[in-house]
């Protein structure tokens, strides 16, 4: 009886092994860097050049700090004068400071997050003023670390602390957190610079929304809009007047900075919301998420491709690297 049990078990294992061999997937060949498309190579080179430029600026900054240790605090700013955002800057580049009334409330990791966004979105005062399109980034701090506060502080730096020619931003978020964003802008309103205008599309009736968009575009400020509303306007849904929907769609395509909250929602390259957001002309894009890696790497690829299109190559190249 015992030998029969062992023999039967052995047969079952052999049978399972044969089935597993049949089901074995054919592994993809890993692509070499030399096999990547020309556009992908160019995007990688742009990022490499940016990193090298930042390293050289950081090296110069560190050397100055070592030579003049007594001015370390002044080099990075303080709560009284405002923390400096562009600590690694080009020669003779003017200082950009976070407003002092905001600086006094910031924690160290939040200051670093604002500087990180500046290095990617603005890069330098000279570049921004020359018409450079900028780049995108992902701020992936976990929930509770103040991503909203960091973005508000960064916008005050870009729109109020210095004249870079930037004046409009769109924040796309789930509809249930839009009022939280509006509340945060009121909560962190600085005392030492003019407050940013904040508009919320969902606050007005449908027939007044074009007027609101025109006002935002003309006067500048921050537009808060839900993902569904953004998608519907981009694809002309629920609006009968073709001229109205065309004008509304055009307005949404031309902000200076685009910010997406809960950006892990951008997880499918073929989804309507992803296609709608990619119609935005600005390359200055910020994705906010507490969980950049949720289910699989292709969702991560989709988010990175949104903020830095082509940097990871095509989806086929990414799968095979």
C-alpha atoms as a PDB file:
ATOM      1  CA  UNK A   1       0.000   0.000   0.000  1.00  0.00           C
ATOM      2  CA  UNK A   2       2.858   2.348   0.920  1.00  0.00           C
ATOM      3  CA  UNK A   3       4.779   1.626  -2.332  1.00  0.00           C
ATOM      4  CA  UNK A   4       1.612   2.279  -4.364  1.00  0.00           C
ATOM      5  CA  UNK A   5       1.126   5.640  -2.636  1.00  0.00           C
ATOM      6  CA  UNK A   6       4.719   6.669  -3.364  1.00  0.00           C
ATOM      7  CA  UNK A   7       4.488   5.470  -6.969  1.00  0.00           C
ATOM      8  CA  UNK A   8       1.234   7.361  -7.544  1.00  0.00           C
ATOM      9  CA  UNK A   9       2.733  10.528  -6.046  1.00  0.00           C
ATOM     10  CA  UNK A  10       5.808  10.134  -8.277  1.00  0.00           C
ATOM     11  CA  UNK A  11       3.584   9.788 -11.360  1.00  0.00           C
ATOM     12  CA  UNK A  12       1.645  12.933 -10.376  1.00  0.00           C
ATOM     13  CA  UNK A  13       4.870  14.943 -10.064  1.00  0.00           C
ATOM     14  CA  UNK A  14       6.062  13.732 -13.482  1.00  0.00           C
ATOM     15  CA  UNK A  15       2.710  14.680 -15.008  1.00  0.00           C
ATOM     16  CA  UNK A  16       2.849  18.183 -13.473  1.00  0.00           C
ATOM     17  CA  UNK A  17       6.418  18.687 -14.694  1.00  0.00           C
ATOM     18  CA  UNK A  18       5.412  17.743 -18.267  1.00  0.00           C
ATOM     19  CA  UNK A  19       2.513  20.233 -18.124  1.00  0.00           C
ATOM     20  CA  UNK A  20       4.771  22.995 -16.755  1.00  0.00           C
ATOM     21  CA  UNK A  21       7.277  22.390 -19.574  1.00  0.00           C
ATOM     22  CA  UNK A  22       4.523  22.802 -22.132  1.00  0.00           C
ATOM     23  CA  UNK A  23       3.339  26.019 -20.472  1.00  0.00           C
ATOM     24  CA  UNK A  24       6.819  27.532 -20.167  1.00  0.00           C
ATOM     25  CA  UNK A  25       6.775  30.983 -21.711  1.00  0.00           C
ATOM     26  CA  UNK A  26       9.273  32.038 -24.298  1.00  0.00           C
ATOM     27  CA  UNK A  27      11.524  34.642 -22.706  1.00  0.00           C
ATOM     28  CA  UNK A  28      12.023  37.917 -24.509  1.00  0.00           C
ATOM     29  CA  UNK A  29      15.508  38.882 -25.609  1.00  0.00           C
ATOM     30  CA  UNK A  30      16.876  41.799 -23.590  1.00  0.00           C
ATOM     31  CA  UNK A  31      17.551  44.843 -25.739  1.00  0.00           C
ATOM     32  CA  UNK A  32      20.982  46.412 -25.655  1.00  0.00           C
ATOM     33  CA  UNK A  33      21.260  50.211 -25.324  1.00  0.00           C
ATOM     34  CA  UNK A  34      22.635  50.364 -28.867  1.00  0.00           C
ATOM     35  CA  UNK A  35      19.368  48.853 -30.154  1.00  0.00           C
ATOM     36  CA  UNK A  36      17.170  51.598 -28.725  1.00  0.00           C
ATOM     37  CA  UNK A  37      15.394  54.017 -31.048  1.00  0.00           C
ATOM     38  CA  UNK A  38      17.020  57.348 -31.880  1.00  0.00           C
ATOM     39  CA  UNK A  39      14.342  59.332 -30.031  1.00  0.00           C
ATOM     40  CA  UNK A  40      14.897  57.266 -26.869  1.00  0.00           C
ATOM     41  CA  UNK A  41      18.657  57.793 -27.102  1.00  0.00           C
ATOM     42  CA  UNK A  42      18.134  61.545 -27.445  1.00  0.00           C
ATOM     43  CA  UNK A  43      15.859  61.645 -24.370  1.00  0.00           C
ATOM     44  CA  UNK A  44      18.424  59.701 -22.334  1.00  0.00           C
ATOM     45  CA  UNK A  45      21.167  62.065 -23.482  1.00  0.00           C
ATOM     46  CA  UNK A  46      19.092  65.114 -22.462  1.00  0.00           C
ATOM     47  CA  UNK A  47      18.693  63.687 -18.958  1.00  0.00           C
ATOM     48  CA  UNK A  48      22.389  62.759 -18.757  1.00  0.00           C
ATOM     49  CA  UNK A  49      23.367  66.301 -19.764  1.00  0.00           C
ATOM     50  CA  UNK A  50      20.969  67.744 -17.168  1.00  0.00           C
ATOM     51  CA  UNK A  51      22.449  65.543 -14.439  1.00  0.00           C
ATOM     52  CA  UNK A  52      26.014  66.472 -15.398  1.00  0.00           C
ATOM     53  CA  UNK A  53      25.118  70.179 -15.415  1.00  0.00           C
ATOM     54  CA  UNK A  54      23.548  69.898 -11.946  1.00  0.00           C
ATOM     55  CA  UNK A  55      26.603  68.028 -10.647  1.00  0.00           C
ATOM     56  CA  UNK A  56      28.937  70.759 -11.890  1.00  0.00           C
ATOM     57  CA  UNK A  57      26.771  73.454 -10.269  1.00  0.00           C
ATOM     58  CA  UNK A  58      26.597  71.459  -7.033  1.00  0.00           C
ATOM     59  CA  UNK A  59      30.381  71.008  -7.074  1.00  0.00           C
ATOM     60  CA  UNK A  60      30.892  74.757  -7.455  1.00  0.00           C
ATOM     61  CA  UNK A  61      28.416  75.411  -4.664  1.00  0.00           C
ATOM     62  CA  UNK A  62      30.114  72.919  -2.305  1.00  0.00           C
ATOM     63  CA  UNK A  63      33.514  74.423  -3.046  1.00  0.00           C
ATOM     64  CA  UNK A  64      32.233  77.902  -2.168  1.00  0.00           C
ATOM     65  CA  UNK A  65      30.732  76.558   1.058  1.00  0.00           C
ATOM     66  CA  UNK A  66      34.044  74.991   2.067  1.00  0.00           C
ATOM     67  CA  UNK A  67      35.899  78.226   1.374  1.00  0.00           C
ATOM     68  CA  UNK A  68      33.433  80.380   3.327  1.00  0.00           C
ATOM     69  CA  UNK A  69      32.036  78.209   6.112  1.00  0.00           C
ATOM     70  CA  UNK A  70      30.767  81.223   7.987  1.00  0.00           C
ATOM     71  CA  UNK A  71      28.217  81.964   5.271  1.00  0.00           C
ATOM     72  CA  UNK A  72      26.736  78.452   5.036  1.00  0.00           C
ATOM     73  CA  UNK A  73      23.380  79.529   6.484  1.00  0.00           C
ATOM     74  CA  UNK A  74      23.205  82.540   4.187  1.00  0.00           C
ATOM     75  CA  UNK A  75      23.972  80.332   1.167  1.00  0.00           C
ATOM     76  CA  UNK A  76      20.871  78.213   1.782  1.00  0.00           C
ATOM     77  CA  UNK A  77      18.747  80.922   3.341  1.00  0.00           C
ATOM     78  CA  UNK A  78      16.780  80.829   6.575  1.00  0.00           C
ATOM     79  CA  UNK A  79      13.279  81.396   7.912  1.00  0.00           C
ATOM     80  CA  UNK A  80      13.802  85.158   8.216  1.00  0.00           C
ATOM     81  CA  UNK A  81      15.013  85.814   4.667  1.00  0.00           C
ATOM     82  CA  UNK A  82      13.422  82.765   3.029  1.00  0.00           C
ATOM     83  CA  UNK A  83      15.111  79.517   2.019  1.00  0.00           C
ATOM     84  CA  UNK A  84      16.898  79.634  -1.323  1.00  0.00           C
ATOM     85  CA  UNK A  85      15.467  77.282  -3.940  1.00  0.00           C
ATOM     86  CA  UNK A  86      18.229  77.461  -6.556  1.00  0.00           C
ATOM     87  CA  UNK A  87      21.197  76.748  -4.277  1.00  0.00           C
ATOM     88  CA  UNK A  88      22.961  75.033  -7.214  1.00  0.00           C
ATOM     89  CA  UNK A  89      22.789  77.864  -9.732  1.00  0.00           C
ATOM     90  CA  UNK A  90      24.676  79.318 -12.635  1.00  0.00           C
ATOM     91  CA  UNK A  91      27.154  82.141 -12.165  1.00  0.00           C
ATOM     92  CA  UNK A  92      25.477  85.512 -11.531  1.00  0.00           C
ATOM     93  CA  UNK A  93      22.030  83.883 -11.448  1.00  0.00           C
ATOM     94  CA  UNK A  94      19.737  85.752  -9.100  1.00  0.00           C
ATOM     95  CA  UNK A  95      18.580  84.026  -5.946  1.00  0.00           C
ATOM     96  CA  UNK A  96      15.070  82.632  -5.792  1.00  0.00           C
ATOM     97  CA  UNK A  97      13.673  82.420  -2.286  1.00  0.00           C
ATOM     98  CA  UNK A  98      10.663  80.720  -0.768  1.00  0.00           C
ATOM     99  CA  UNK A  99       8.564  83.499   0.858  1.00  0.00           C
ATOM    100  CA  UNK A 100       9.667  83.860   4.527  1.00  0.00           C
ATOM    101  CA  UNK A 101       6.134  83.375   5.870  1.00  0.00           C
ATOM    102  CA  UNK A 102       6.090  79.966   4.125  1.00  0.00           C
ATOM    103  CA  UNK A 103       9.734  79.137   4.949  1.00  0.00           C
ATOM    104  CA  UNK A 104       9.017  79.352   8.673  1.00  0.00           C
ATOM    105  CA  UNK A 105       6.489  76.502   8.366  1.00  0.00           C
ATOM    106  CA  UNK A 106       8.492  74.143   6.151  1.00  0.00           C
ATOM    107  CA  UNK A 107      10.250  70.983   7.302  1.00  0.00           C
ATOM    108  CA  UNK A 108      13.637  69.941   5.921  1.00  0.00           C
ATOM    109  CA  UNK A 109      12.312  67.190   3.607  1.00  0.00           C
ATOM    110  CA  UNK A 110       9.753  69.652   2.201  1.00  0.00           C
ATOM    111  CA  UNK A 111      12.477  72.188   1.367  1.00  0.00           C
ATOM    112  CA  UNK A 112      14.350  69.405  -0.438  1.00  0.00           C
ATOM    113  CA  UNK A 113      11.177  68.469  -2.328  1.00  0.00           C
ATOM    114  CA  UNK A 114      10.677  72.080  -3.503  1.00  0.00           C
ATOM    115  CA  UNK A 115      14.309  72.238  -4.672  1.00  0.00           C
ATOM    116  CA  UNK A 116      13.859  68.915  -6.472  1.00  0.00           C
ATOM    117  CA  UNK A 117      10.834  70.275  -8.365  1.00  0.00           C
ATOM    118  CA  UNK A 118      12.736  73.463  -9.226  1.00  0.00           C
ATOM    119  CA  UNK A 119      15.711  71.507 -10.616  1.00  0.00           C
ATOM    120  CA  UNK A 120      13.423  69.518 -12.916  1.00  0.00           C
ATOM    121  CA  UNK A 121      10.582  71.889 -13.810  1.00  0.00           C
ATOM    122  CA  UNK A 122      12.461  75.220 -14.025  1.00  0.00           C
ATOM    123  CA  UNK A 123      16.117  74.092 -14.039  1.00  0.00           C
ATOM    124  CA  UNK A 124      17.477  77.655 -14.095  1.00  0.00           C
ATOM    125  CA  UNK A 125      16.251  81.246 -14.307  1.00  0.00           C
ATOM    126  CA  UNK A 126      18.115  81.762 -17.581  1.00  0.00           C
ATOM    127  CA  UNK A 127      16.596  78.664 -19.193  1.00  0.00           C
ATOM    128  CA  UNK A 128      13.062  79.524 -18.115  1.00  0.00           C
ATOM    129  CA  UNK A 129      13.337  83.079 -19.440  1.00  0.00           C
ATOM    130  CA  UNK A 130      14.805  81.890 -22.740  1.00  0.00           C
ATOM    131  CA  UNK A 131      11.636  79.926 -23.497  1.00  0.00           C
ATOM    132  CA  UNK A 132      12.931  76.477 -22.531  1.00  0.00           C
ATOM    133  CA  UNK A 133      10.036  74.021 -22.208  1.00  0.00           C
ATOM    134  CA  UNK A 134      11.338  72.511 -18.984  1.00  0.00           C
ATOM    135  CA  UNK A 135      10.948  68.909 -17.882  1.00  0.00           C
ATOM    136  CA  UNK A 136       8.624  66.870 -15.684  1.00  0.00           C
ATOM    137  CA  UNK A 137       9.073  64.951 -12.439  1.00  0.00           C
ATOM    138  CA  UNK A 138       7.332  62.669  -9.924  1.00  0.00           C
ATOM    139  CA  UNK A 139       7.076  63.674  -6.267  1.00  0.00           C
ATOM    140  CA  UNK A 140       6.455  60.333  -4.578  1.00  0.00           C
ATOM    141  CA  UNK A 141       6.442  61.190  -0.873  1.00  0.00           C
ATOM    142  CA  UNK A 142       4.180  58.943   1.156  1.00  0.00           C
ATOM    143  CA  UNK A 143       0.861  60.250   2.491  1.00  0.00           C
ATOM    144  CA  UNK A 144       1.185  62.765   5.311  1.00  0.00           C
ATOM    145  CA  UNK A 145       4.542  64.273   4.291  1.00  0.00           C
ATOM    146  CA  UNK A 146       2.997  67.415   2.825  1.00  0.00           C
ATOM    147  CA  UNK A 147       3.090  67.043  -0.975  1.00  0.00           C
ATOM    148  CA  UNK A 148       0.279  69.605  -1.297  1.00  0.00           C
ATOM    149  CA  UNK A 149       2.177  72.175   0.798  1.00  0.00           C
ATOM    150  CA  UNK A 150       5.346  71.573  -1.238  1.00  0.00           C
ATOM    151  CA  UNK A 151       3.538  72.159  -4.530  1.00  0.00           C
ATOM    152  CA  UNK A 152       1.901  75.352  -3.230  1.00  0.00           C
ATOM    153  CA  UNK A 153       5.302  76.611  -2.029  1.00  0.00           C
ATOM    154  CA  UNK A 154       6.897  75.753  -5.376  1.00  0.00           C
ATOM    155  CA  UNK A 155       4.173  77.635  -7.282  1.00  0.00           C
ATOM    156  CA  UNK A 156       4.760  80.732  -5.162  1.00  0.00           C
ATOM    157  CA  UNK A 157       8.473  80.494  -6.003  1.00  0.00           C
ATOM    158  CA  UNK A 158       7.810  80.128  -9.740  1.00  0.00           C
ATOM    159  CA  UNK A 159       5.000  82.711  -9.996  1.00  0.00           C
ATOM    160  CA  UNK A 160       5.697  85.274  -7.271  1.00  0.00           C
ATOM    161  CA  UNK A 161       9.301  85.178  -6.021  1.00  0.00           C
ATOM    162  CA  UNK A 162      10.710  85.914  -9.476  1.00  0.00           C
ATOM    163  CA  UNK A 163       9.382  86.877 -12.903  1.00  0.00           C
ATOM    164  CA  UNK A 164       9.960  83.895 -15.175  1.00  0.00           C
ATOM    165  CA  UNK A 165       7.110  84.657 -17.566  1.00  0.00           C
ATOM    166  CA  UNK A 166       5.036  81.841 -16.033  1.00  0.00           C
ATOM    167  CA  UNK A 167       1.571  82.601 -14.709  1.00  0.00           C
ATOM    168  CA  UNK A 168      -0.863  79.686 -15.137  1.00  0.00           C
ATOM    169  CA  UNK A 169      -1.034  76.229 -13.565  1.00  0.00           C
ATOM    170  CA  UNK A 170      -3.598  73.435 -13.683  1.00  0.00           C
ATOM    171  CA  UNK A 171      -4.011  70.987 -10.829  1.00  0.00           C
ATOM    172  CA  UNK A 172      -5.959  67.878 -11.851  1.00  0.00           C
ATOM    173  CA  UNK A 173      -7.195  65.794  -8.941  1.00  0.00           C
ATOM    174  CA  UNK A 174      -9.976  63.394  -7.939  1.00  0.00           C
ATOM    175  CA  UNK A 175     -13.119  65.451  -7.396  1.00  0.00           C
ATOM    176  CA  UNK A 176     -13.303  64.505  -3.696  1.00  0.00           C
ATOM    177  CA  UNK A 177      -9.979  66.259  -2.910  1.00  0.00           C
ATOM    178  CA  UNK A 178     -10.491  69.454  -4.930  1.00  0.00           C
ATOM    179  CA  UNK A 179     -11.967  71.324  -1.961  1.00  0.00           C
ATOM    180  CA  UNK A 180      -9.018  70.171   0.139  1.00  0.00           C
ATOM    181  CA  UNK A 181      -6.660  71.805  -2.379  1.00  0.00           C
ATOM    182  CA  UNK A 182      -8.660  75.028  -2.228  1.00  0.00           C
ATOM    183  CA  UNK A 183      -8.547  74.952   1.571  1.00  0.00           C
ATOM    184  CA  UNK A 184      -4.767  74.349   1.533  1.00  0.00           C
ATOM    185  CA  UNK A 185      -4.185  77.376  -0.712  1.00  0.00           C
ATOM    186  CA  UNK A 186      -6.092  79.514   1.811  1.00  0.00           C
ATOM    187  CA  UNK A 187      -4.290  77.938   4.756  1.00  0.00           C
ATOM    188  CA  UNK A 188      -0.779  78.521   3.387  1.00  0.00           C
ATOM    189  CA  UNK A 189      -1.429  81.956   1.855  1.00  0.00           C
ATOM    190  CA  UNK A 190       1.780  83.952   2.459  1.00  0.00           C
ATOM    191  CA  UNK A 191       1.809  87.360   4.116  1.00  0.00           C
ATOM    192  CA  UNK A 192       4.765  88.797   2.212  1.00  0.00           C
ATOM    193  CA  UNK A 193       3.758  88.285  -1.444  1.00  0.00           C
ATOM    194  CA  UNK A 194       0.528  88.643  -3.381  1.00  0.00           C
ATOM    195  CA  UNK A 195      -1.687  85.579  -3.041  1.00  0.00           C
ATOM    196  CA  UNK A 196      -2.196  83.355  -6.079  1.00  0.00           C
ATOM    197  CA  UNK A 197      -5.632  83.403  -7.668  1.00  0.00           C
ATOM    198  CA  UNK A 198      -7.313  80.007  -7.303  1.00  0.00           C
ATOM    199  CA  UNK A 199     -10.212  78.956  -9.545  1.00  0.00           C
ATOM    200  CA  UNK A 200     -12.210  75.743  -9.233  1.00  0.00           C
ATOM    201  CA  UNK A 201     -14.113  74.613 -12.316  1.00  0.00           C
ATOM    202  CA  UNK A 202     -16.563  72.471 -10.357  1.00  0.00           C
ATOM    203  CA  UNK A 203     -17.655  75.556  -8.359  1.00  0.00           C
ATOM    204  CA  UNK A 204     -19.440  77.162 -11.326  1.00  0.00           C
ATOM    205  CA  UNK A 205     -22.368  76.137 -13.521  1.00  0.00           C
ATOM    206  CA  UNK A 206     -21.626  74.501 -16.862  1.00  0.00           C
ATOM    207  CA  UNK A 207     -22.665  77.554 -18.893  1.00  0.00           C
ATOM    208  CA  UNK A 208     -20.200  79.734 -16.913  1.00  0.00           C
ATOM    209  CA  UNK A 209     -17.189  77.463 -17.224  1.00  0.00           C
ATOM    210  CA  UNK A 210     -15.816  78.963 -20.443  1.00  0.00           C
ATOM    211  CA  UNK A 211     -15.944  82.410 -18.809  1.00  0.00           C
ATOM    212  CA  UNK A 212     -14.003  81.038 -15.815  1.00  0.00           C
ATOM    213  CA  UNK A 213     -11.348  79.460 -18.055  1.00  0.00           C
ATOM    214  CA  UNK A 214     -10.912  82.697 -20.006  1.00  0.00           C
ATOM    215  CA  UNK A 215     -10.545  84.656 -16.768  1.00  0.00           C
ATOM    216  CA  UNK A 216      -7.956  82.190 -15.432  1.00  0.00           C
ATOM    217  CA  UNK A 217      -5.996  82.285 -18.676  1.00  0.00           C
ATOM    218  CA  UNK A 218      -5.999  86.089 -18.845  1.00  0.00           C
ATOM    219  CA  UNK A 219      -5.280  86.939 -15.194  1.00  0.00           C
ATOM    220  CA  UNK A 220      -3.189  83.901 -14.283  1.00  0.00           C
ATOM    221  CA  UNK A 221      -3.319  81.686 -11.229  1.00  0.00           C
ATOM    222  CA  UNK A 222      -4.170  78.093 -10.427  1.00  0.00           C
ATOM    223  CA  UNK A 223      -7.084  76.154 -11.924  1.00  0.00           C
ATOM    224  CA  UNK A 224      -8.427  73.200  -9.920  1.00  0.00           C
ATOM    225  CA  UNK A 225     -10.256  70.584 -11.988  1.00  0.00           C
ATOM    226  CA  UNK A 226     -11.354  66.965 -11.547  1.00  0.00           C
ATOM    227  CA  UNK A 227     -10.080  64.127 -13.737  1.00  0.00           C
ATOM    228  CA  UNK A 228     -13.551  63.442 -15.167  1.00  0.00           C
ATOM    229  CA  UNK A 229     -14.177  67.097 -16.083  1.00  0.00           C
ATOM    230  CA  UNK A 230     -10.761  67.368 -17.703  1.00  0.00           C
ATOM    231  CA  UNK A 231     -11.377  64.237 -19.789  1.00  0.00           C
ATOM    232  CA  UNK A 232     -14.890  65.321 -20.805  1.00  0.00           C
ATOM    233  CA  UNK A 233     -13.748  68.774 -21.936  1.00  0.00           C
ATOM    234  CA  UNK A 234     -10.744  67.371 -23.799  1.00  0.00           C
ATOM    235  CA  UNK A 235     -12.979  64.991 -25.782  1.00  0.00           C
ATOM    236  CA  UNK A 236     -15.957  67.354 -26.114  1.00  0.00           C
ATOM    237  CA  UNK A 237     -18.396  65.360 -23.999  1.00  0.00           C
ATOM    238  CA  UNK A 238     -21.644  66.792 -22.535  1.00  0.00           C
ATOM    239  CA  UNK A 239     -21.326  70.135 -24.367  1.00  0.00           C
ATOM    240  CA  UNK A 240     -23.517  70.709 -27.434  1.00  0.00           C
ATOM    241  CA  UNK A 241     -21.942  73.956 -28.663  1.00  0.00           C
ATOM    242  CA  UNK A 242     -18.862  72.963 -30.709  1.00  0.00           C
ATOM    243  CA  UNK A 243     -17.292  76.433 -30.522  1.00  0.00           C
ATOM    244  CA  UNK A 244     -17.601  76.494 -26.734  1.00  0.00           C
ATOM    245  CA  UNK A 245     -16.028  73.063 -26.276  1.00  0.00           C
ATOM    246  CA  UNK A 246     -13.242  73.948 -28.724  1.00  0.00           C
ATOM    247  CA  UNK A 247     -12.360  77.101 -26.755  1.00  0.00           C
ATOM    248  CA  UNK A 248     -12.525  75.246 -23.431  1.00  0.00           C
ATOM    249  CA  UNK A 249     -10.340  72.443 -24.719  1.00  0.00           C
ATOM    250  CA  UNK A 250      -7.760  74.885 -26.105  1.00  0.00           C
ATOM    251  CA  UNK A 251      -7.579  76.698 -22.752  1.00  0.00           C
ATOM    252  CA  UNK A 252      -6.822  73.449 -20.927  1.00  0.00           C
ATOM    253  CA  UNK A 253      -4.023  72.584 -23.345  1.00  0.00           C
ATOM    254  CA  UNK A 254      -1.930  75.678 -22.629  1.00  0.00           C
ATOM    255  CA  UNK A 255      -1.017  76.000 -18.915  1.00  0.00           C
ATOM    256  CA  UNK A 256       2.562  76.821 -17.987  1.00  0.00           C
ATOM    257  CA  UNK A 257       2.627  74.012 -15.397  1.00  0.00           C
ATOM    258  CA  UNK A 258       0.467  70.872 -15.149  1.00  0.00           C
ATOM    259  CA  UNK A 259       0.132  69.055 -11.817  1.00  0.00           C
ATOM    260  CA  UNK A 260      -1.647  65.722 -11.357  1.00  0.00           C
ATOM    261  CA  UNK A 261      -2.601  64.648  -7.837  1.00  0.00           C
ATOM    262  CA  UNK A 262      -3.121  60.933  -7.116  1.00  0.00           C
ATOM    263  CA  UNK A 263      -1.139  60.354 -10.300  1.00  0.00           C
ATOM    264  CA  UNK A 264      -1.198  56.572  -9.927  1.00  0.00           C
ATOM    265  CA  UNK A 265      -4.564  56.962 -11.696  1.00  0.00           C
ATOM    266  CA  UNK A 266      -2.522  57.519 -14.866  1.00  0.00           C
ATOM    267  CA  UNK A 267      -1.716  53.838 -15.237  1.00  0.00           C
ATOM    268  CA  UNK A 268      -2.811  52.955 -18.763  1.00  0.00           C
ATOM    269  CA  UNK A 269      -1.333  54.617 -21.849  1.00  0.00           C
ATOM    270  CA  UNK A 270      -4.505  53.917 -23.846  1.00  0.00           C
ATOM    271  CA  UNK A 271      -6.976  55.229 -21.239  1.00  0.00           C
ATOM    272  CA  UNK A 272      -8.999  58.341 -22.135  1.00  0.00           C
ATOM    273  CA  UNK A 273      -7.674  60.361 -19.179  1.00  0.00           C
ATOM    274  CA  UNK A 274      -4.056  59.604 -20.110  1.00  0.00           C
ATOM    275  CA  UNK A 275      -4.667  60.607 -23.730  1.00  0.00           C
ATOM    276  CA  UNK A 276      -6.459  63.781 -22.598  1.00  0.00           C
ATOM    277  CA  UNK A 277      -3.631  64.819 -20.268  1.00  0.00           C
ATOM    278  CA  UNK A 278      -1.028  64.167 -22.943  1.00  0.00           C
ATOM    279  CA  UNK A 279      -2.734  66.744 -25.160  1.00  0.00           C
ATOM    280  CA  UNK A 280      -1.407  69.445 -22.806  1.00  0.00           C
ATOM    281  CA  UNK A 281       1.430  71.228 -24.592  1.00  0.00           C
ATOM    282  CA  UNK A 282       3.492  72.110 -21.521  1.00  0.00           C
ATOM    283  CA  UNK A 283       6.327  69.721 -20.642  1.00  0.00           C
ATOM    284  CA  UNK A 284       6.451  71.137 -17.099  1.00  0.00           C
ATOM    285  CA  UNK A 285       4.478  68.335 -15.490  1.00  0.00           C
ATOM    286  CA  UNK A 286       4.427  67.187 -11.872  1.00  0.00           C
ATOM    287  CA  UNK A 287       2.936  63.858 -10.823  1.00  0.00           C
ATOM    288  CA  UNK A 288       2.063  63.481  -7.128  1.00  0.00           C
ATOM    289  CA  UNK A 289       1.647  60.014  -5.680  1.00  0.00           C
ATOM    290  CA  UNK A 290       2.281  58.146  -2.465  1.00  0.00           C
ATOM    291  CA  UNK A 291       2.504  54.825  -4.297  1.00  0.00           C
ATOM    292  CA  UNK A 292       4.334  54.973  -7.657  1.00  0.00           C
ATOM    293  CA  UNK A 293       4.569  51.160  -7.774  1.00  0.00           C
ATOM    294  CA  UNK A 294       1.222  49.466  -7.201  1.00  0.00           C
ATOM    295  CA  UNK A 295       0.481  46.464  -9.392  1.00  0.00           C
ATOM    296  CA  UNK A 296       3.105  46.184 -12.116  1.00  0.00           C
ATOM    297  CA  UNK A 297       5.982  48.024 -13.769  1.00  0.00           C
ATOM    298  CA  UNK A 298       3.926  49.043 -16.799  1.00  0.00           C
ATOM    299  CA  UNK A 299       1.795  51.285 -14.567  1.00  0.00           C
ATOM    300  CA  UNK A 300       5.020  52.916 -13.369  1.00  0.00           C
ATOM    301  CA  UNK A 301       6.144  53.256 -16.999  1.00  0.00           C
ATOM    302  CA  UNK A 302       2.891  55.028 -17.866  1.00  0.00           C
ATOM    303  CA  UNK A 303       3.376  57.597 -15.097  1.00  0.00           C
ATOM    304  CA  UNK A 304       7.018  58.279 -16.001  1.00  0.00           C
ATOM    305  CA  UNK A 305       6.154  58.513 -19.691  1.00  0.00           C
ATOM    306  CA  UNK A 306       3.547  61.136 -18.831  1.00  0.00           C
ATOM    307  CA  UNK A 307       5.942  63.457 -16.979  1.00  0.00           C
ATOM    308  CA  UNK A 308       8.976  62.747 -19.195  1.00  0.00           C
ATOM    309  CA  UNK A 309       7.630  61.447 -22.488  1.00  0.00           C
ATOM    310  CA  UNK A 310       9.979  59.050 -24.281  1.00  0.00           C
ATOM    311  CA  UNK A 311      12.568  58.945 -21.480  1.00  0.00           C
ATOM    312  CA  UNK A 312      11.969  55.223 -20.855  1.00  0.00           C
ATOM    313  CA  UNK A 313      11.530  54.552 -24.559  1.00  0.00           C
ATOM    314  CA  UNK A 314       8.498  52.925 -26.114  1.00  0.00           C
ATOM    315  CA  UNK A 315       6.499  50.420 -24.066  1.00  0.00           C
ATOM    316  CA  UNK A 316       8.106  47.608 -26.125  1.00  0.00           C
ATOM    317  CA  UNK A 317      11.610  48.891 -25.384  1.00  0.00           C
ATOM    318  CA  UNK A 318      10.777  49.227 -21.696  1.00  0.00           C
ATOM    319  CA  UNK A 319       9.426  45.656 -21.503  1.00  0.00           C
ATOM    320  CA  UNK A 320      12.579  44.265 -23.097  1.00  0.00           C
ATOM    321  CA  UNK A 321      15.243  46.107 -21.126  1.00  0.00           C
END
